[in-house]
């Protein structure tokens, strides 16, 4: 039992399978012995004093019984093994004596039970079996000498016995090594299974998304968080990043990273678009996500050296809540201070502006005029900043009345064209049909003027270089898109676009887009900047998108 003690269930199962193999071999040997009886023409009772045929038939029946017992009653392994080995030795010994002893050549059959004992039984028991067989053969050979037979029988029996001991030792040593390797493999398999279960639990419960893709951007697997972020919950079929319009931003960032490994992270916006100009939007995406998700994506290469596969991991972090929280914390730290400073600054600022205007009325030289203009421009800039700061604390109630977009946008476009002396075809307004939204008209006017001024600054000035159009889909919120043909906003700037006091312009205050988003939130709407790609998924264009509140 020493070899069986401490074995795992899987190892015991291996021992039982080995015993079944031993039983199958025993049946084959019994059938061969019976065939030898028929083909050899020795007769049913053989050449000696024993019933050769009856022994072979009984051996075959016992072999079949042992095989069935091993299959249906897996208990007392060592007892079953010893019983079977004892029967093997007894039957082979009877046939050995019946065939004439060592001269018959049947001694080779002893290797079958002895090798089985060396594999499945403790070494001491296997050596004991070899000793019994050797002593029996020596005794039988000695008896033959006493009967005046050849004396060479004792020498042959001794050589067989030495060979049996050598085989038992060699097979036992090899079996012990295999058993040790099996035990180690089982332990490592269990450890690997446990580690895989832990990894599945951690990956499934972690808040960040994980996607595993191949070199062509085919999504092979992803954790639940990633599927939730991308609106892929319930999507089981393989998906290629470049084939889904909503994942074009991730596909573009992935392609950039493969071309330039230093670009290992990027900020993207994911949303199931319903833009008629875009192709590849399937019905599976409709209604899955109503609002855009801002993600920080990070790429890493899986070390598959020597393997015929290329794998990459995309880590997804939803930074929407983090961005909002950062803005709120930033405002909370400066809110009271800036509000009090703004009130205190307005009076002296008005005095400076009034004094500057009075000085400008006197006859001055060119240098003084230029200096006064610099003062007046900066006074106006500071005053505009003060007004923006004061608006940060102005909260309004959402409007319950419906605002018709078509006449409102037409009037706003005409006023904007007249104010900036623009050609009528520079800003193109698409037909809004009977679209109506819940929004304060003054707030929507302020938001759109801010967006149009930004677009005018970067647009090419060609006809229809600035576009306003409405996107409506059944069961989805109404969207108003403001798009220009300018160079677009880089992902680095996009990450801070709506932060207060962040600006890339020397003349800006960094509050315009933040105030526009706050006004949208006050009206139950959202303002976002989104990247859209052409049908080939290569050229990206940016646009500001106002997602209005759901209709009452």
Protein backbone atom coordinates (compact mmCIF):
# COMPACT_ATOMS: atom_id res chain seq x y z
CA UNK A 1 0.00 0.00 0.00
CA UNK A 2 2.99 2.29 0.30
CA UNK A 3 2.80 3.37 -3.31
CA UNK A 4 -0.94 4.00 -3.11
CA UNK A 5 -0.90 6.02 0.09
CA UNK A 6 -1.25 9.75 -0.42
CA UNK A 7 -2.35 9.34 -4.03
CA UNK A 8 -4.94 11.71 -5.40
CA UNK A 9 -8.25 10.60 -6.85
CA UNK A 10 -6.91 11.17 -10.35
CA UNK A 11 -3.86 8.97 -9.61
CA UNK A 12 -6.03 6.16 -8.23
CA UNK A 13 -8.10 6.41 -11.38
CA UNK A 14 -4.88 5.90 -13.35
CA UNK A 15 -4.09 2.77 -11.31
CA UNK A 16 -7.54 1.34 -11.96
CA UNK A 17 -7.13 1.98 -15.68
CA UNK A 18 -3.76 0.22 -15.59
CA UNK A 19 -5.39 -2.74 -13.86
CA UNK A 20 -8.06 -2.84 -16.57
CA UNK A 21 -5.29 -2.92 -19.18
CA UNK A 22 -3.70 -5.80 -17.28
CA UNK A 23 -7.02 -7.65 -17.35
CA UNK A 24 -7.38 -7.11 -21.10
CA UNK A 25 -3.87 -8.49 -21.60
CA UNK A 26 -4.73 -11.51 -19.44
CA UNK A 27 -7.76 -12.28 -21.64
CA UNK A 28 -5.59 -12.07 -24.76
CA UNK A 29 -3.04 -14.47 -23.24
CA UNK A 30 -5.81 -16.94 -22.31
CA UNK A 31 -7.20 -16.82 -25.84
CA UNK A 32 -3.69 -17.37 -27.30
CA UNK A 33 -3.17 -20.39 -25.05
CA UNK A 34 -6.45 -21.90 -26.21
CA UNK A 35 -5.54 -21.19 -29.82
CA UNK A 36 -2.21 -22.96 -29.27
CA UNK A 37 -4.18 -25.94 -27.98
CA UNK A 38 -6.15 -26.12 -31.22
CA UNK A 39 -3.41 -25.21 -33.70
CA UNK A 40 -0.61 -27.14 -31.98
CA UNK A 41 -2.55 -30.41 -31.97
CA UNK A 42 -1.47 -31.26 -28.40
CA UNK A 43 -4.92 -32.50 -27.48
CA UNK A 44 -7.34 -31.28 -24.91
CA UNK A 45 -5.38 -32.71 -22.00
CA UNK A 46 -1.94 -31.62 -23.22
CA UNK A 47 1.24 -33.64 -22.72
CA UNK A 48 1.29 -34.13 -18.97
CA UNK A 49 -0.75 -34.97 -15.95
CA UNK A 50 -2.87 -31.77 -15.91
CA UNK A 51 -5.98 -30.92 -17.94
CA UNK A 52 -4.49 -28.26 -20.25
CA UNK A 53 -7.77 -27.34 -21.91
CA UNK A 54 -9.73 -27.05 -18.66
CA UNK A 55 -7.02 -24.83 -17.17
CA UNK A 56 -7.07 -22.47 -20.17
CA UNK A 57 -10.85 -22.25 -20.19
CA UNK A 58 -10.95 -21.61 -16.45
CA UNK A 59 -8.21 -18.99 -16.87
CA UNK A 60 -10.21 -17.25 -19.60
CA UNK A 61 -13.37 -17.21 -17.45
CA UNK A 62 -11.46 -15.91 -14.44
CA UNK A 63 -9.85 -13.21 -16.61
CA UNK A 64 -13.27 -12.05 -17.80
CA UNK A 65 -14.56 -12.05 -14.21
CA UNK A 66 -11.59 -10.02 -13.03
CA UNK A 67 -12.17 -7.50 -15.83
CA UNK A 68 -15.85 -7.08 -14.90
CA UNK A 69 -15.01 -6.82 -11.21
CA UNK A 70 -12.48 -4.08 -11.89
CA UNK A 71 -15.05 -2.09 -13.87
CA UNK A 72 -18.02 -2.39 -11.50
CA UNK A 73 -16.43 -2.72 -8.06
CA UNK A 74 -13.60 -0.29 -7.58
CA UNK A 75 -12.70 -1.12 -4.03
CA UNK A 76 -9.82 -2.91 -2.34
CA UNK A 77 -7.37 -2.28 -5.16
CA UNK A 78 -4.46 -4.12 -3.59
CA UNK A 79 -6.58 -7.12 -2.69
CA UNK A 80 -7.87 -7.43 -6.24
CA UNK A 81 -4.35 -7.03 -7.62
CA UNK A 82 -2.86 -9.70 -5.34
CA UNK A 83 -5.69 -12.12 -6.12
CA UNK A 84 -5.22 -11.70 -9.85
CA UNK A 85 -1.45 -12.05 -9.63
CA UNK A 86 -1.79 -15.20 -7.53
CA UNK A 87 -4.13 -16.71 -10.12
CA UNK A 88 -1.69 -15.74 -12.91
CA UNK A 89 1.26 -17.37 -11.17
CA UNK A 90 -0.74 -20.50 -10.31
CA UNK A 91 -2.11 -21.00 -13.83
CA UNK A 92 1.26 -20.36 -15.50
CA UNK A 93 2.94 -22.72 -13.04
CA UNK A 94 0.46 -25.53 -13.83
CA UNK A 95 0.96 -25.03 -17.56
CA UNK A 96 4.72 -24.77 -17.01
CA UNK A 97 4.84 -28.16 -15.28
CA UNK A 98 2.46 -29.73 -17.78
CA UNK A 99 4.61 -28.59 -20.69
CA UNK A 100 7.78 -30.11 -19.26
CA UNK A 101 9.33 -27.36 -17.20
CA UNK A 102 12.02 -24.93 -18.28
CA UNK A 103 12.52 -26.67 -21.61
CA UNK A 104 9.00 -25.73 -22.75
CA UNK A 105 9.77 -22.02 -22.95
CA UNK A 106 6.59 -21.10 -21.05
CA UNK A 107 8.71 -19.48 -18.35
CA UNK A 108 8.53 -16.29 -20.38
CA UNK A 109 4.85 -16.02 -19.37
CA UNK A 110 5.93 -15.21 -15.82
CA UNK A 111 7.03 -11.79 -17.05
CA UNK A 112 3.39 -10.80 -17.46
CA UNK A 113 2.32 -11.00 -13.77
CA UNK A 114 5.76 -9.96 -12.50
CA UNK A 115 5.80 -6.80 -14.65
CA UNK A 116 2.24 -6.04 -13.51
CA UNK A 117 3.25 -6.34 -9.87
CA UNK A 118 6.30 -4.15 -10.50
CA UNK A 119 4.06 -1.42 -11.95
CA UNK A 120 1.04 -1.54 -9.62
CA UNK A 121 2.31 -3.07 -6.37
CA UNK A 122 4.95 -1.91 -3.87
CA UNK A 123 8.51 -2.92 -4.77
CA UNK A 124 8.82 -5.30 -1.81
CA UNK A 125 5.74 -7.21 -2.91
CA UNK A 126 6.97 -7.33 -6.53
CA UNK A 127 10.35 -8.73 -5.40
CA UNK A 128 8.56 -11.27 -3.22
CA UNK A 129 6.57 -12.44 -6.27
CA UNK A 130 9.77 -12.74 -8.30
CA UNK A 131 11.39 -14.72 -5.49
CA UNK A 132 8.45 -17.14 -5.31
CA UNK A 133 8.55 -17.75 -9.07
CA UNK A 134 12.32 -18.23 -9.02
CA UNK A 135 12.17 -20.68 -6.10
CA UNK A 136 9.39 -22.61 -7.82
CA UNK A 137 11.38 -22.89 -11.03
CA UNK A 138 14.52 -23.95 -9.16
CA UNK A 139 12.54 -26.53 -7.20
CA UNK A 140 10.96 -27.94 -10.33
CA UNK A 141 14.34 -28.09 -12.09
CA UNK A 142 15.92 -29.81 -9.06
CA UNK A 143 13.13 -32.35 -9.11
CA UNK A 144 13.85 -33.00 -12.79
CA UNK A 145 17.54 -33.58 -11.90
CA UNK A 146 16.52 -36.07 -9.28
CA UNK A 147 14.57 -37.86 -11.97
CA UNK A 148 17.84 -38.12 -13.93
CA UNK A 149 16.86 -35.40 -16.42
CA UNK A 150 19.33 -32.86 -17.79
CA UNK A 151 21.26 -30.84 -15.18
CA UNK A 152 21.15 -27.80 -17.41
CA UNK A 153 17.59 -27.21 -16.29
CA UNK A 154 18.80 -25.81 -12.94
CA UNK A 155 21.13 -23.37 -14.70
CA UNK A 156 18.38 -22.21 -17.04
CA UNK A 157 15.98 -21.78 -14.12
CA UNK A 158 18.59 -19.71 -12.31
CA UNK A 159 19.11 -17.49 -15.33
CA UNK A 160 15.36 -17.00 -15.67
CA UNK A 161 15.14 -16.08 -11.98
CA UNK A 162 17.95 -13.52 -12.29
CA UNK A 163 16.24 -12.08 -15.36
CA UNK A 164 12.94 -11.82 -13.46
CA UNK A 165 14.59 -9.88 -10.62
CA UNK A 166 16.27 -7.54 -13.10
CA UNK A 167 12.99 -6.94 -14.95
CA UNK A 168 11.10 -6.27 -11.72
CA UNK A 169 13.71 -3.78 -10.50
CA UNK A 170 13.90 -1.98 -13.86
CA UNK A 171 10.15 -1.81 -14.41
CA UNK A 172 9.52 -0.73 -10.81
CA UNK A 173 12.09 2.05 -11.14
CA UNK A 174 10.52 3.29 -14.39
CA UNK A 175 7.02 3.05 -12.93
CA UNK A 176 8.07 5.01 -9.85
CA UNK A 177 9.49 7.74 -12.05
CA UNK A 178 6.32 7.88 -14.16
CA UNK A 179 4.18 7.97 -11.04
CA UNK A 180 6.24 10.83 -9.69
CA UNK A 181 5.88 12.74 -12.96
CA UNK A 182 2.15 12.05 -12.94
CA UNK A 183 1.85 13.32 -9.38
CA UNK A 184 3.79 16.47 -10.27
CA UNK A 185 1.66 16.97 -13.39
CA UNK A 186 -1.51 16.52 -11.34
CA UNK A 187 -0.31 19.03 -8.74
CA UNK A 188 0.62 21.55 -11.39
CA UNK A 189 -2.64 20.94 -13.20
CA UNK A 190 -4.58 21.59 -10.01
CA UNK A 191 -2.55 24.72 -9.34
CA UNK A 192 -3.12 25.91 -12.90
CA UNK A 193 -6.86 25.20 -12.68
CA UNK A 194 -7.07 27.13 -9.42
CA UNK A 195 -5.11 30.03 -10.90
CA UNK A 196 -7.35 30.07 -13.96
CA UNK A 197 -10.44 30.11 -11.75
CA UNK A 198 -8.97 33.03 -9.78
CA UNK A 199 -8.10 34.86 -13.01
CA UNK A 200 -11.61 34.35 -14.36
CA UNK A 201 -13.10 35.65 -11.13
CA UNK A 202 -10.82 38.70 -11.01
CA UNK A 203 -11.26 39.53 -14.69
CA UNK A 204 -15.02 39.04 -14.53
CA UNK A 205 -15.46 41.23 -11.45
CA UNK A 206 -12.96 43.98 -12.22
CA UNK A 207 -14.35 47.33 -13.26
CA UNK A 208 -11.94 47.87 -16.15
CA UNK A 209 -12.65 46.21 -19.48
CA UNK A 210 -10.31 43.75 -21.13
CA UNK A 211 -10.36 42.71 -24.79
CA UNK A 212 -8.11 40.09 -26.38
CA UNK A 213 -7.62 40.67 -30.10
CA UNK A 214 -5.45 39.21 -32.82
CA UNK A 215 -3.18 41.10 -35.17
CA UNK A 216 -6.09 42.01 -37.47
CA UNK A 217 -8.20 43.50 -34.69
CA UNK A 218 -10.58 40.53 -34.36
CA UNK A 219 -12.01 40.43 -30.84
CA UNK A 220 -11.39 36.90 -29.52
CA UNK A 221 -12.69 37.35 -26.00
CA UNK A 222 -13.59 40.05 -23.50
CA UNK A 223 -14.70 40.32 -19.91
CA UNK A 224 -18.23 41.47 -18.93
CA UNK A 225 -17.04 44.99 -18.11
CA UNK A 226 -15.65 45.46 -21.63
CA UNK A 227 -18.85 44.18 -23.23
CA UNK A 228 -20.88 46.54 -21.07
CA UNK A 229 -18.72 49.53 -21.95
CA UNK A 230 -18.90 48.79 -25.67
CA UNK A 231 -22.57 47.85 -25.71
CA UNK A 232 -21.74 44.25 -26.65
CA UNK A 233 -23.65 42.49 -23.88
CA UNK A 234 -25.21 39.38 -25.39
CA UNK A 235 -23.10 39.59 -28.58
CA UNK A 236 -21.48 36.17 -29.00
CA UNK A 237 -20.33 36.21 -32.62
CA UNK A 238 -16.71 37.26 -33.41
CA UNK A 239 -16.43 40.98 -34.04
CA UNK A 240 -13.71 42.92 -35.82
CA UNK A 241 -13.04 46.38 -34.43
CA UNK A 242 -12.89 48.00 -37.86
CA UNK A 243 -16.23 46.46 -38.92
CA UNK A 244 -18.33 48.25 -36.29
CA UNK A 245 -18.84 51.98 -36.79
CA UNK A 246 -19.12 52.48 -33.05
CA UNK A 247 -15.65 50.98 -32.48
CA UNK A 248 -13.87 52.89 -35.24
CA UNK A 249 -12.13 55.10 -32.70
CA UNK A 250 -10.70 52.06 -30.88
CA UNK A 251 -9.75 50.47 -34.21
CA UNK A 252 -7.92 53.64 -35.28
CA UNK A 253 -6.07 53.87 -31.96
CA UNK A 254 -5.16 50.17 -32.25
CA UNK A 255 -3.82 50.69 -35.77
CA UNK A 256 -1.81 53.73 -34.63
CA UNK A 257 -0.32 51.70 -31.79
CA UNK A 258 0.70 48.88 -34.12
CA UNK A 259 2.44 51.40 -36.37
CA UNK A 260 3.97 53.31 -33.47
CA UNK A 261 4.30 51.21 -30.26
CA UNK A 262 5.04 54.34 -28.23
CA UNK A 263 1.35 55.31 -28.59
CA UNK A 264 0.30 52.74 -26.01
CA UNK A 265 -2.70 54.69 -24.67
CA UNK A 266 -5.41 56.95 -26.04
CA UNK A 267 -8.75 58.52 -25.14
CA UNK A 268 -11.73 57.59 -27.29
CA UNK A 269 -15.50 58.00 -27.35
CA UNK A 270 -17.66 54.95 -27.97
CA UNK A 271 -21.27 55.23 -29.05
CA UNK A 272 -23.56 53.37 -31.49
CA UNK A 273 -23.97 56.06 -34.13
CA UNK A 274 -27.02 56.39 -36.37
CA UNK A 275 -25.45 58.60 -38.97
CA UNK A 276 -26.85 57.86 -42.43
CA UNK A 277 -23.52 58.84 -43.96
CA UNK A 278 -21.80 55.98 -42.17
CA UNK A 279 -21.98 52.39 -43.31
CA UNK A 280 -21.80 49.14 -41.38
CA UNK A 281 -24.17 50.03 -38.54
CA UNK A 282 -26.15 46.84 -37.90
CA UNK A 283 -29.44 46.38 -36.16
CA UNK A 284 -27.67 44.59 -33.33
CA UNK A 285 -26.35 47.95 -32.10
CA UNK A 286 -29.67 49.81 -32.06
CA UNK A 287 -30.88 50.68 -28.62
CA UNK A 288 -27.90 49.19 -26.81
CA UNK A 289 -26.39 52.43 -25.56
CA UNK A 290 -28.11 55.76 -25.54
CA UNK A 291 -25.24 57.96 -24.35
CA UNK A 292 -21.58 58.14 -25.31
CA UNK A 293 -18.87 56.58 -23.16
CA UNK A 294 -15.44 58.13 -22.75
CA UNK A 295 -12.77 55.48 -22.50
CA UNK A 296 -9.07 55.45 -21.85
CA UNK A 297 -7.63 52.58 -23.86
CA UNK A 298 -4.25 51.02 -23.23
CA UNK A 299 -2.59 48.40 -25.43
CA UNK A 300 -0.20 45.61 -24.50
CA UNK A 301 1.36 42.79 -26.51
CA UNK A 302 1.10 39.21 -25.26
CA UNK A 303 4.42 37.38 -25.30
CA UNK A 304 3.70 34.56 -27.76
CA UNK A 305 7.28 33.95 -28.86
CA UNK A 306 7.55 30.59 -30.57
CA UNK A 307 3.80 30.25 -30.98
CA UNK A 308 2.00 30.56 -34.29
CA UNK A 309 -0.34 33.27 -33.01
CA UNK A 310 -0.29 36.99 -32.30
CA UNK A 311 -2.34 38.35 -29.44
CA UNK A 312 -2.80 41.80 -27.96
CA UNK A 313 -4.73 42.95 -24.91
CA UNK A 314 -6.74 46.17 -24.89
CA UNK A 315 -7.47 47.60 -21.45
CA UNK A 316 -10.53 49.84 -21.27
CA UNK A 317 -11.20 52.32 -18.49
CA UNK A 318 -14.42 54.29 -18.36
CA UNK A 319 -13.29 57.80 -17.51
CA UNK A 320 -16.68 59.48 -17.88
CA UNK A 321 -17.34 59.53 -14.16
CA UNK A 322 -13.71 60.37 -13.43
CA UNK A 323 -13.84 63.37 -15.75
CA UNK A 324 -17.03 64.64 -14.14
CA UNK A 325 -15.67 64.09 -10.66
CA UNK A 326 -12.42 65.87 -11.52
CA UNK A 327 -14.36 68.85 -12.83
CA UNK A 328 -16.54 68.99 -9.76
CA UNK A 329 -13.56 68.79 -7.43
CA UNK A 330 -11.77 71.46 -9.40
CA UNK A 331 -14.77 73.77 -9.23
CA UNK A 332 -15.43 73.01 -5.57
CA UNK A 333 -11.92 74.10 -4.66
CA UNK A 334 -12.19 77.43 -6.46
CA UNK A 335 -15.93 78.11 -6.54
CA UNK A 336 -16.32 80.33 -3.50
CA UNK A 337 -13.02 82.08 -4.05
CA UNK A 338 -13.67 82.91 -7.71
CA UNK A 339 -17.23 84.06 -7.03
CA UNK A 340 -16.13 86.48 -4.31
CA UNK A 341 -13.19 87.71 -6.39
CA UNK A 342 -15.44 88.22 -9.41
CA UNK A 343 -17.75 90.51 -7.44
CA UNK A 344 -14.84 92.44 -6.03
CA UNK A 345 -13.14 92.80 -9.40
CA UNK A 346 -16.11 94.18 -11.32
CA UNK A 347 -16.11 97.62 -9.69
CA UNK A 348 -12.39 98.43 -10.12
CA UNK A 349 -12.52 96.86 -13.56
CA UNK A 350 -15.35 99.19 -14.54
CA UNK A 351 -13.36 102.15 -13.24
CA UNK A 352 -10.31 101.13 -15.27
CA UNK A 353 -12.41 100.76 -18.39
CA UNK A 354 -14.08 104.14 -17.84
CA UNK A 355 -10.75 105.85 -17.27
CA UNK A 356 -9.32 104.23 -20.39
CA UNK A 357 -12.26 105.52 -22.44
CA UNK A 358 -11.78 109.05 -21.08
CA UNK A 359 -8.07 109.01 -21.89
CA UNK A 360 -8.83 107.80 -25.40
CA UNK A 361 -10.93 110.96 -26.02
CA UNK A 362 -7.87 113.19 -25.72
CA UNK A 363 -5.50 113.74 -28.60
CA UNK A 364 -2.75 111.17 -28.15
CA UNK A 365 0.14 109.94 -30.22
CA UNK A 366 0.24 106.50 -31.84
CA UNK A 367 2.15 104.83 -29.01
CA UNK A 368 -0.29 106.01 -26.35
CA UNK A 369 -3.25 104.97 -28.50
CA UNK A 370 -1.81 101.50 -28.90
CA UNK A 371 -1.20 101.19 -25.16
CA UNK A 372 -4.77 102.33 -24.37
CA UNK A 373 -6.08 99.77 -26.84
CA UNK A 374 -4.11 97.04 -25.08
CA UNK A 375 -5.62 98.15 -21.77
CA UNK A 376 -9.14 98.22 -23.22
CA UNK A 377 -8.76 94.76 -24.80
CA UNK A 378 -7.54 93.21 -21.57
CA UNK A 379 -10.27 94.94 -19.56
CA UNK A 380 -12.83 93.43 -21.93
CA UNK A 381 -11.19 90.04 -21.62
CA UNK A 382 -11.16 90.14 -17.81
CA UNK A 383 -14.75 91.35 -17.79
CA UNK A 384 -15.78 88.46 -20.03
CA UNK A 385 -13.99 86.05 -17.72
CA UNK A 386 -15.81 87.53 -14.72
CA UNK A 387 -19.14 87.09 -16.48
CA UNK A 388 -18.28 83.47 -17.27
CA UNK A 389 -17.30 82.80 -13.66
CA UNK A 390 -20.56 84.29 -12.39
CA UNK A 391 -22.51 82.02 -14.72
CA UNK A 392 -20.99 78.95 -13.11
CA UNK A 393 -23.34 79.25 -10.15
CA UNK A 394 -26.45 79.98 -12.18
CA UNK A 395 -28.70 76.92 -12.21
CA UNK A 396 -31.99 76.83 -14.01
CA UNK A 397 -34.95 74.50 -14.11
CA UNK A 398 -35.44 72.26 -17.11
CA UNK A 399 -37.93 73.58 -19.58
CA UNK A 400 -41.20 71.72 -19.95
CA UNK A 401 -42.28 73.51 -23.12
CA UNK A 402 -41.33 72.20 -26.54
CA UNK A 403 -38.94 74.22 -28.68
CA UNK A 404 -39.31 73.81 -32.45
CA UNK A 405 -35.80 73.40 -33.82
CA UNK A 406 -36.42 74.33 -37.47
CA UNK A 407 -37.44 78.00 -37.01
CA UNK A 408 -35.07 78.45 -34.08
CA UNK A 409 -32.02 77.24 -36.00
CA UNK A 410 -33.02 79.18 -39.13
CA UNK A 411 -33.25 82.42 -37.14
CA UNK A 412 -29.96 81.68 -35.35
CA UNK A 413 -28.17 80.98 -38.64
CA UNK A 414 -29.42 84.21 -40.20
CA UNK A 415 -28.28 86.24 -37.19
CA UNK A 416 -24.88 84.48 -37.12
CA UNK A 417 -24.33 85.09 -40.84
CA UNK A 418 -25.26 88.75 -40.48
CA UNK A 419 -23.10 89.30 -37.40
CA UNK A 420 -19.98 87.83 -39.02
CA UNK A 421 -20.80 89.02 -42.57
CA UNK A 422 -20.71 85.45 -43.86
CA UNK A 423 -21.83 84.18 -47.21
CA UNK A 424 -25.15 82.39 -46.94
CA UNK A 425 -23.76 79.05 -48.09
CA UNK A 426 -20.81 78.88 -45.62
CA UNK A 427 -23.01 77.56 -42.80
CA UNK A 428 -25.33 74.85 -44.08
CA UNK A 429 -28.46 74.01 -42.10
CA UNK A 430 -30.10 70.68 -42.86
CA UNK A 431 -33.84 70.27 -42.85
CA UNK A 432 -35.01 69.64 -39.28
CA UNK A 433 -38.57 68.77 -40.30
CA UNK A 434 -40.89 68.92 -37.27
CA UNK A 435 -38.25 68.18 -34.65
CA UNK A 436 -39.02 69.63 -31.21
CA UNK A 437 -37.00 69.47 -27.98
CA UNK A 438 -37.23 70.50 -24.34
CA UNK A 439 -34.62 73.24 -23.98
CA UNK A 440 -34.42 76.82 -22.81
CA UNK A 441 -34.13 78.95 -26.00
CA UNK A 442 -31.66 81.44 -24.47
CA UNK A 443 -29.40 78.65 -23.25
CA UNK A 444 -29.51 76.78 -26.56
CA UNK A 445 -28.72 80.04 -28.34
CA UNK A 446 -25.69 80.66 -26.11
CA UNK A 447 -24.44 77.08 -26.58
CA UNK A 448 -24.77 77.10 -30.36
CA UNK A 449 -23.15 80.52 -30.71
CA UNK A 450 -20.19 79.22 -28.72
CA UNK A 451 -19.90 76.13 -30.93
CA UNK A 452 -20.35 78.08 -34.17
CA UNK A 453 -17.71 80.63 -33.17
CA UNK A 454 -15.27 77.80 -32.51
CA UNK A 455 -16.16 76.18 -35.84
CA UNK A 456 -15.73 79.47 -37.69
CA UNK A 457 -12.27 79.85 -36.20
CA UNK A 458 -11.03 76.52 -37.59
CA UNK A 459 -13.18 75.93 -40.69
CA UNK A 460 -11.73 76.38 -44.16
CA UNK A 461 -14.29 79.00 -45.21
CA UNK A 462 -15.47 76.97 -48.19
CA UNK A 463 -19.20 76.56 -48.86
CA UNK A 464 -20.83 74.19 -46.36
CA UNK A 465 -17.62 74.05 -44.34
CA UNK A 466 -19.84 74.35 -41.24
CA UNK A 467 -22.90 72.12 -40.93
CA UNK A 468 -25.79 71.88 -38.49
CA UNK A 469 -28.03 68.83 -38.80
CA UNK A 470 -30.33 66.74 -36.67
CA UNK A 471 -29.97 62.97 -36.24
CA UNK A 472 -33.14 61.16 -35.19
CA UNK A 473 -33.62 57.40 -34.80
CA UNK A 474 -36.70 55.53 -33.53
CA UNK A 475 -36.55 55.02 -29.79
CA UNK A 476 -33.44 57.20 -29.43
CA UNK A 477 -32.83 60.71 -28.18
CA UNK A 478 -32.70 63.53 -30.70
CA UNK A 479 -29.19 64.76 -31.54
CA UNK A 480 -27.98 68.06 -32.96
CA UNK A 481 -24.57 67.88 -34.67
CA UNK A 482 -22.26 70.85 -35.29
CA UNK A 483 -19.52 69.87 -37.70
CA UNK A 484 -16.77 71.76 -39.54
CA UNK A 485 -14.09 70.74 -42.01
CA UNK A 486 -11.24 71.90 -39.80
CA UNK A 487 -8.34 69.71 -38.66
CA UNK A 488 -10.26 68.38 -35.68
CA UNK A 489 -9.25 68.09 -32.06
CA UNK A 490 -6.39 65.80 -31.12
CA UNK A 491 -7.02 63.02 -28.59
CA UNK A 492 -4.68 64.72 -26.13
CA UNK A 493 -6.72 67.94 -26.19
CA UNK A 494 -9.98 65.96 -26.27
CA UNK A 495 -9.14 64.47 -22.86
CA UNK A 496 -9.30 67.98 -21.29
CA UNK A 497 -11.74 69.64 -23.68
CA UNK A 498 -14.55 70.32 -21.21
CA UNK A 499 -12.39 71.11 -18.19
CA UNK A 500 -12.87 74.64 -16.82
CA UNK A 501 -10.06 77.10 -17.51
CA UNK A 502 -8.42 74.75 -20.03
CA UNK A 503 -7.76 76.41 -23.38
CA UNK A 504 -5.34 76.15 -26.28
CA UNK A 505 -6.02 79.71 -27.43
CA UNK A 506 -4.20 82.73 -26.06
CA UNK A 507 -7.44 84.75 -26.31
CA UNK A 508 -9.76 82.24 -24.65
CA UNK A 509 -10.78 81.88 -21.00
CA UNK A 510 -11.23 78.11 -21.05
CA UNK A 511 -14.81 78.40 -19.78
CA UNK A 512 -16.85 78.47 -22.98
CA UNK A 513 -17.20 74.74 -23.59
CA UNK A 514 -17.51 74.01 -19.91
CA UNK A 515 -20.38 76.48 -19.56
CA UNK A 516 -21.98 75.05 -22.69
CA UNK A 517 -21.92 71.56 -21.19
CA UNK A 518 -23.26 72.82 -17.86
CA UNK A 519 -26.14 74.55 -19.60
CA UNK A 520 -26.91 71.31 -21.44
CA UNK A 521 -26.93 69.41 -18.17
CA UNK A 522 -29.28 71.98 -16.65
CA UNK A 523 -31.69 71.22 -19.48
CA UNK A 524 -31.38 67.45 -19.20
CA UNK A 525 -29.16 67.22 -22.28
CA UNK A 526 -25.54 66.27 -22.96
CA UNK A 527 -22.79 67.96 -24.94
CA UNK A 528 -19.94 65.86 -26.25
CA UNK A 529 -17.22 65.85 -28.88
CA UNK A 530 -17.20 62.73 -31.04
CA UNK A 531 -14.98 61.30 -33.75
CA UNK A 532 -16.60 59.94 -36.89
CA UNK A 533 -14.83 57.93 -39.56
CA UNK A 534 -15.48 57.58 -43.25
CA UNK A 535 -16.73 54.37 -44.85
CA UNK A 536 -13.16 53.05 -45.17
CA UNK A 537 -12.54 53.66 -41.47
CA UNK A 538 -9.49 55.79 -42.15
CA UNK A 539 -10.25 59.53 -42.14
CA UNK A 540 -11.64 60.81 -38.83
CA UNK A 541 -13.67 64.01 -38.51
CA UNK A 542 -14.77 65.59 -35.26
CA UNK A 543 -18.07 67.18 -34.35
CA UNK A 544 -19.88 68.51 -31.30
CA UNK A 545 -23.07 66.61 -30.52
CA UNK A 546 -25.92 67.83 -28.32
CA UNK A 547 -28.04 64.90 -27.14
CA UNK A 548 -31.37 66.35 -26.03
CA UNK A 549 -33.46 65.11 -23.15
CA UNK A 550 -36.01 62.40 -23.84
CA UNK A 551 -39.37 63.90 -24.82
CA UNK A 552 -42.03 64.06 -22.12
